Amino acid sequence: MNLHALRLFHVISSTGSVTRASEMLRISQPAITAQIKKFEQEQNRAAIQRIA
């Protein structure tokens, strides 16, 4: 687990959206998604609920 992934998770949960988090952090959505997926794999559980 790293601080960057926790920060991403915090911003996503605070904004309620990966899109808004990416705009706020000025990081691409694919980069955020990749980091969150890696974080989830390390924790062996889903960190965020995905809605299509």
PDB file of N, CA and C in Angstrom:
ATOM      1  N   MET A   1       0.851  -1.166   0.000  1.00  0.00           N
ATOM      2  CA  MET A   1       0.000   0.000   0.000  1.00  0.00           C
ATOM      3  C   MET A   1       0.902   1.237   0.000  1.00  0.00           C
ATOM      4  N   ASN A   2       0.509   2.225  -0.782  1.00  0.00           N
ATOM      5  CA  ASN A   2       1.312   3.435  -0.783  1.00  0.00           C
ATOM      6  C   ASN A   2       0.436   4.670  -0.576  1.00  0.00           C
ATOM      7  N   LEU A   3       1.081   5.736  -0.198  1.00  0.00           N
ATOM      8  CA  LEU A   3       0.385   6.974   0.120  1.00  0.00           C
ATOM      9  C   LEU A   3      -0.341   7.547  -1.093  1.00  0.00           C
ATOM     10  N   HIS A   4       0.245   7.412  -2.270  1.00  0.00           N
ATOM     11  CA  HIS A   4      -0.371   7.931  -3.493  1.00  0.00           C
ATOM     12  C   HIS A   4      -1.721   7.250  -3.751  1.00  0.00           C
ATOM     13  N   ALA A   5      -1.769   5.935  -3.621  1.00  0.00           N
ATOM     14  CA  ALA A   5      -3.021   5.199  -3.835  1.00  0.00           C
ATOM     15  C   ALA A   5      -4.071   5.604  -2.813  1.00  0.00           C
ATOM     16  N   LEU A   6      -3.663   5.797  -1.574  1.00  0.00           N
ATOM     17  CA  LEU A   6      -4.601   6.238  -0.542  1.00  0.00           C
ATOM     18  C   LEU A   6      -5.129   7.636  -0.838  1.00  0.00           C
ATOM     19  N   ARG A   7      -4.276   8.493  -1.337  1.00  0.00           N
ATOM     20  CA  ARG A   7      -4.703   9.846  -1.703  1.00  0.00           C
ATOM     21  C   ARG A   7      -5.717   9.784  -2.851  1.00  0.00           C
ATOM     22  N   LEU A   8      -5.442   8.962  -3.853  1.00  0.00           N
ATOM     23  CA  LEU A   8      -6.386   8.807  -4.959  1.00  0.00           C
ATOM     24  C   LEU A   8      -7.735   8.301  -4.456  1.00  0.00           C
ATOM     25  N   PHE A   9      -7.692   7.285  -3.618  1.00  0.00           N
ATOM     26  CA  PHE A   9      -8.914   6.729  -3.057  1.00  0.00           C
ATOM     27  C   PHE A   9      -9.686   7.797  -2.288  1.00  0.00           C
ATOM     28  N   HIS A  10      -8.988   8.592  -1.507  1.00  0.00           N
ATOM     29  CA  HIS A  10      -9.631   9.657  -0.729  1.00  0.00           C
ATOM     30  C   HIS A  10     -10.313  10.677  -1.641  1.00  0.00           C
ATOM     31  N   VAL A  11      -9.624  11.111  -2.680  1.00  0.00           N
ATOM     32  CA  VAL A  11     -10.192  12.110  -3.580  1.00  0.00           C
ATOM     33  C   VAL A  11     -11.376  11.532  -4.353  1.00  0.00           C
ATOM     34  N   ILE A  12     -11.276  10.279  -4.783  1.00  0.00           N
ATOM     35  CA  ILE A  12     -12.403   9.643  -5.479  1.00  0.00           C
ATOM     36  C   ILE A  12     -13.609   9.571  -4.555  1.00  0.00           C
ATOM     37  N   SER A  13     -13.394   9.149  -3.323  1.00  0.00           N
ATOM     38  CA  SER A  13     -14.518   9.033  -2.395  1.00  0.00           C
ATOM     39  C   SER A  13     -15.072  10.410  -2.022  1.00  0.00           C
ATOM     40  N   SER A  14     -14.233  11.412  -1.937  1.00  0.00           N
ATOM     41  CA  SER A  14     -14.687  12.765  -1.602  1.00  0.00           C
ATOM     42  C   SER A  14     -15.488  13.404  -2.731  1.00  0.00           C
ATOM     43  N   THR A  15     -15.046  13.168  -3.961  1.00  0.00           N
ATOM     44  CA  THR A  15     -15.732  13.775  -5.104  1.00  0.00           C
ATOM     45  C   THR A  15     -16.868  12.906  -5.619  1.00  0.00           C
ATOM     46  N   GLY A  16     -16.807  11.606  -5.306  1.00  0.00           N
ATOM     47  CA  GLY A  16     -17.844  10.687  -5.761  1.00  0.00           C
ATOM     48  C   GLY A  16     -17.689  10.231  -7.195  1.00  0.00           C
ATOM     49  N   SER A  17     -16.527  10.525  -7.796  1.00  0.00           N
ATOM     50  CA  SER A  17     -16.358  10.217  -9.214  1.00  0.00           C
ATOM     51  C   SER A  17     -14.882  10.169  -9.589  1.00  0.00           C
ATOM     52  N   VAL A  18     -14.525   9.177 -10.392  1.00  0.00           N
ATOM     53  CA  VAL A  18     -13.154   9.108 -10.913  1.00  0.00           C
ATOM     54  C   VAL A  18     -12.926  10.277 -11.868  1.00  0.00           C
ATOM     55  N   THR A  19     -13.959  10.636 -12.629  1.00  0.00           N
ATOM     56  CA  THR A  19     -13.845  11.760 -13.571  1.00  0.00           C
ATOM     57  C   THR A  19     -13.517  13.046 -12.828  1.00  0.00           C
ATOM     58  N   ARG A  20     -14.275  13.345 -11.779  1.00  0.00           N
ATOM     59  CA  ARG A  20     -14.024  14.571 -11.014  1.00  0.00           C
ATOM     60  C   ARG A  20     -12.676  14.517 -10.309  1.00  0.00           C
ATOM     61  N   ALA A  21     -12.314  13.345  -9.813  1.00  0.00           N
ATOM     62  CA  ALA A  21     -11.007  13.199  -9.163  1.00  0.00           C
ATOM     63  C   ALA A  21      -9.883  13.451 -10.162  1.00  0.00           C
ATOM     64  N   SER A  22     -10.014  12.920 -11.379  1.00  0.00           N
ATOM     65  CA  SER A  22      -8.964  13.115 -12.374  1.00  0.00           C
ATOM     66  C   SER A  22      -8.839  14.582 -12.765  1.00  0.00           C
ATOM     67  N   GLU A  23      -9.975  15.275 -12.850  1.00  0.00           N
ATOM     68  CA  GLU A  23      -9.931  16.707 -13.159  1.00  0.00           C
ATOM     69  C   GLU A  23      -9.281  17.486 -12.021  1.00  0.00           C
ATOM     70  N   MET A  24      -9.646  17.148 -10.802  1.00  0.00           N
ATOM     71  CA  MET A  24      -9.115  17.850  -9.637  1.00  0.00           C
ATOM     72  C   MET A  24      -7.613  17.631  -9.476  1.00  0.00           C
ATOM     73  N   LEU A  25      -7.169  16.384  -9.689  1.00  0.00           N
ATOM     74  CA  LEU A  25      -5.761  16.031  -9.506  1.00  0.00           C
ATOM     75  C   LEU A  25      -4.920  16.231 -10.763  1.00  0.00           C
ATOM     76  N   ARG A  26      -5.619  16.477 -11.895  1.00  0.00           N
ATOM     77  CA  ARG A  26      -4.946  16.623 -13.198  1.00  0.00           C
ATOM     78  C   ARG A  26      -4.136  15.376 -13.561  1.00  0.00           C
ATOM     79  N   ILE A  27      -4.802  14.226 -13.340  1.00  0.00           N
ATOM     80  CA  ILE A  27      -4.243  12.922 -13.686  1.00  0.00           C
ATOM     81  C   ILE A  27      -5.264  12.243 -14.591  1.00  0.00           C
ATOM     82  N   SER A  28      -4.813  11.528 -15.605  1.00  0.00           N
ATOM     83  CA  SER A  28      -5.749  10.879 -16.522  1.00  0.00           C
ATOM     84  C   SER A  28      -6.563   9.800 -15.806  1.00  0.00           C
ATOM     85  N   GLN A  29      -7.782   9.597 -16.288  1.00  0.00           N
ATOM     86  CA  GLN A  29      -8.642   8.565 -15.711  1.00  0.00           C
ATOM     87  C   GLN A  29      -8.013   7.182 -15.785  1.00  0.00           C
ATOM     88  N   PRO A  30      -7.410   6.789 -16.921  1.00  0.00           N
ATOM     89  CA  PRO A  30      -6.777   5.468 -16.972  1.00  0.00           C
ATOM     90  C   PRO A  30      -5.668   5.294 -15.934  1.00  0.00           C
ATOM     91  N   ALA A  31      -4.919   6.343 -15.662  1.00  0.00           N
ATOM     92  CA  ALA A  31      -3.854   6.261 -14.662  1.00  0.00           C
ATOM     93  C   ALA A  31      -4.437   6.060 -13.264  1.00  0.00           C
ATOM     94  N   ILE A  32      -5.513   6.774 -12.971  1.00  0.00           N
ATOM     95  CA  ILE A  32      -6.167   6.614 -11.664  1.00  0.00           C
ATOM     96  C   ILE A  32      -6.743   5.217 -11.539  1.00  0.00           C
ATOM     97  N   THR A  33      -7.425   4.755 -12.578  1.00  0.00           N
ATOM     98  CA  THR A  33      -8.029   3.427 -12.557  1.00  0.00           C
ATOM     99  C   THR A  33      -6.967   2.350 -12.349  1.00  0.00           C
ATOM    100  N   ALA A  34      -5.843   2.478 -13.026  1.00  0.00           N
ATOM    101  CA  ALA A  34      -4.761   1.495 -12.879  1.00  0.00           C
ATOM    102  C   ALA A  34      -4.231   1.472 -11.447  1.00  0.00           C
ATOM    103  N   GLN A  35      -4.060   2.634 -10.852  1.00  0.00           N
ATOM    104  CA  GLN A  35      -3.558   2.704  -9.474  1.00  0.00           C
ATOM    105  C   GLN A  35      -4.559   2.107  -8.489  1.00  0.00           C
ATOM    106  N   ILE A  36      -5.846   2.382  -8.704  1.00  0.00           N
ATOM    107  CA  ILE A  36      -6.878   1.847  -7.810  1.00  0.00           C
ATOM    108  C   ILE A  36      -6.964   0.328  -7.958  1.00  0.00           C
ATOM    109  N   LYS A  37      -6.866  -0.179  -9.189  1.00  0.00           N
ATOM    110  CA  LYS A  37      -6.891  -1.632  -9.399  1.00  0.00           C
ATOM    111  C   LYS A  37      -5.705  -2.301  -8.700  1.00  0.00           C
ATOM    112  N   LYS A  38      -4.542  -1.680  -8.796  1.00  0.00           N
ATOM    113  CA  LYS A  38      -3.355  -2.218  -8.123  1.00  0.00           C
ATOM    114  C   LYS A  38      -3.573  -2.215  -6.609  1.00  0.00           C
ATOM    115  N   PHE A  39      -4.115  -1.126  -6.087  1.00  0.00           N
ATOM    116  CA  PHE A  39      -4.420  -1.017  -4.658  1.00  0.00           C
ATOM    117  C   PHE A  39      -5.398  -2.109  -4.236  1.00  0.00           C
ATOM    118  N   GLU A  40      -6.434  -2.343  -5.044  1.00  0.00           N
ATOM    119  CA  GLU A  40      -7.425  -3.372  -4.735  1.00  0.00           C
ATOM    120  C   GLU A  40      -6.799  -4.765  -4.735  1.00  0.00           C
ATOM    121  N   GLN A  41      -5.912  -5.024  -5.674  1.00  0.00           N
ATOM    122  CA  GLN A  41      -5.242  -6.325  -5.727  1.00  0.00           C
ATOM    123  C   GLN A  41      -4.370  -6.538  -4.493  1.00  0.00           C
ATOM    124  N   GLU A  42      -3.689  -5.501  -4.060  1.00  0.00           N
ATOM    125  CA  GLU A  42      -2.853  -5.610  -2.864  1.00  0.00           C
ATOM    126  C   GLU A  42      -3.686  -5.889  -1.623  1.00  0.00           C
ATOM    127  N   GLN A  43      -4.892  -5.318  -1.581  1.00  0.00           N
ATOM    128  CA  GLN A  43      -5.767  -5.472  -0.421  1.00  0.00           C
ATOM    129  C   GLN A  43      -6.718  -6.670  -0.550  1.00  0.00           C
ATOM    130  N   ASN A  44      -6.744  -7.295  -1.714  1.00  0.00           N
ATOM    131  CA  ASN A  44      -7.635  -8.428  -1.993  1.00  0.00           C
ATOM    132  C   ASN A  44      -9.103  -8.088  -1.765  1.00  0.00           C
ATOM    133  N   ARG A  45      -9.489  -6.871  -2.108  1.00  0.00           N
ATOM    134  CA  ARG A  45     -10.887  -6.449  -2.008  1.00  0.00           C
ATOM    135  C   ARG A  45     -11.119  -5.207  -2.839  1.00  0.00           C
ATOM    136  N   ALA A  46     -12.382  -4.993  -3.191  1.00  0.00           N
ATOM    137  CA  ALA A  46     -12.751  -3.815  -3.960  1.00  0.00           C
ATOM    138  C   ALA A  46     -12.691  -2.587  -3.068  1.00  0.00           C
ATOM    139  N   ALA A  47     -12.094  -1.526  -3.584  1.00  0.00           N
ATOM    140  CA  ALA A  47     -11.987  -0.276  -2.823  1.00  0.00           C
ATOM    141  C   ALA A  47     -13.102   0.691  -3.195  1.00  0.00           C
ATOM    142  N   ILE A  48     -13.557   0.611  -4.445  1.00  0.00           N
ATOM    143  CA  ILE A  48     -14.625   1.487  -4.891  1.00  0.00           C
ATOM    144  C   ILE A  48     -15.689   0.685  -5.616  1.00  0.00           C
ATOM    145  N   GLN A  49     -16.906   1.190  -5.566  1.00  0.00           N
ATOM    146  CA  GLN A  49     -18.002   0.545  -6.287  1.00  0.00           C
ATOM    147  C   GLN A  49     -18.073   1.137  -7.684  1.00  0.00           C
ATOM    148  N   ARG A  50     -18.055   0.288  -8.665  1.00  0.00           N
ATOM    149  CA  ARG A  50     -18.103   0.739 -10.054  1.00  0.00           C
ATOM    150  C   ARG A  50     -19.524   0.675 -10.581  1.00  0.00           C
ATOM    151  N   ILE A  51     -19.963   1.759 -11.163  1.00  0.00           N
ATOM    152  CA  ILE A  51     -21.301   1.835 -11.749  1.00  0.00           C
ATOM    153  C   ILE A  51     -21.123   2.204 -13.219  1.00  0.00           C
ATOM    154  N   ALA A  52     -21.692   1.396 -14.083  1.00  0.00           N
ATOM    155  CA  ALA A  52     -21.527   1.618 -15.525  1.00  0.00           C
ATOM    156  C   ALA A  52     -22.291   2.818 -16.008  1.00  0.00           C
TER     157      ALA A  52
END
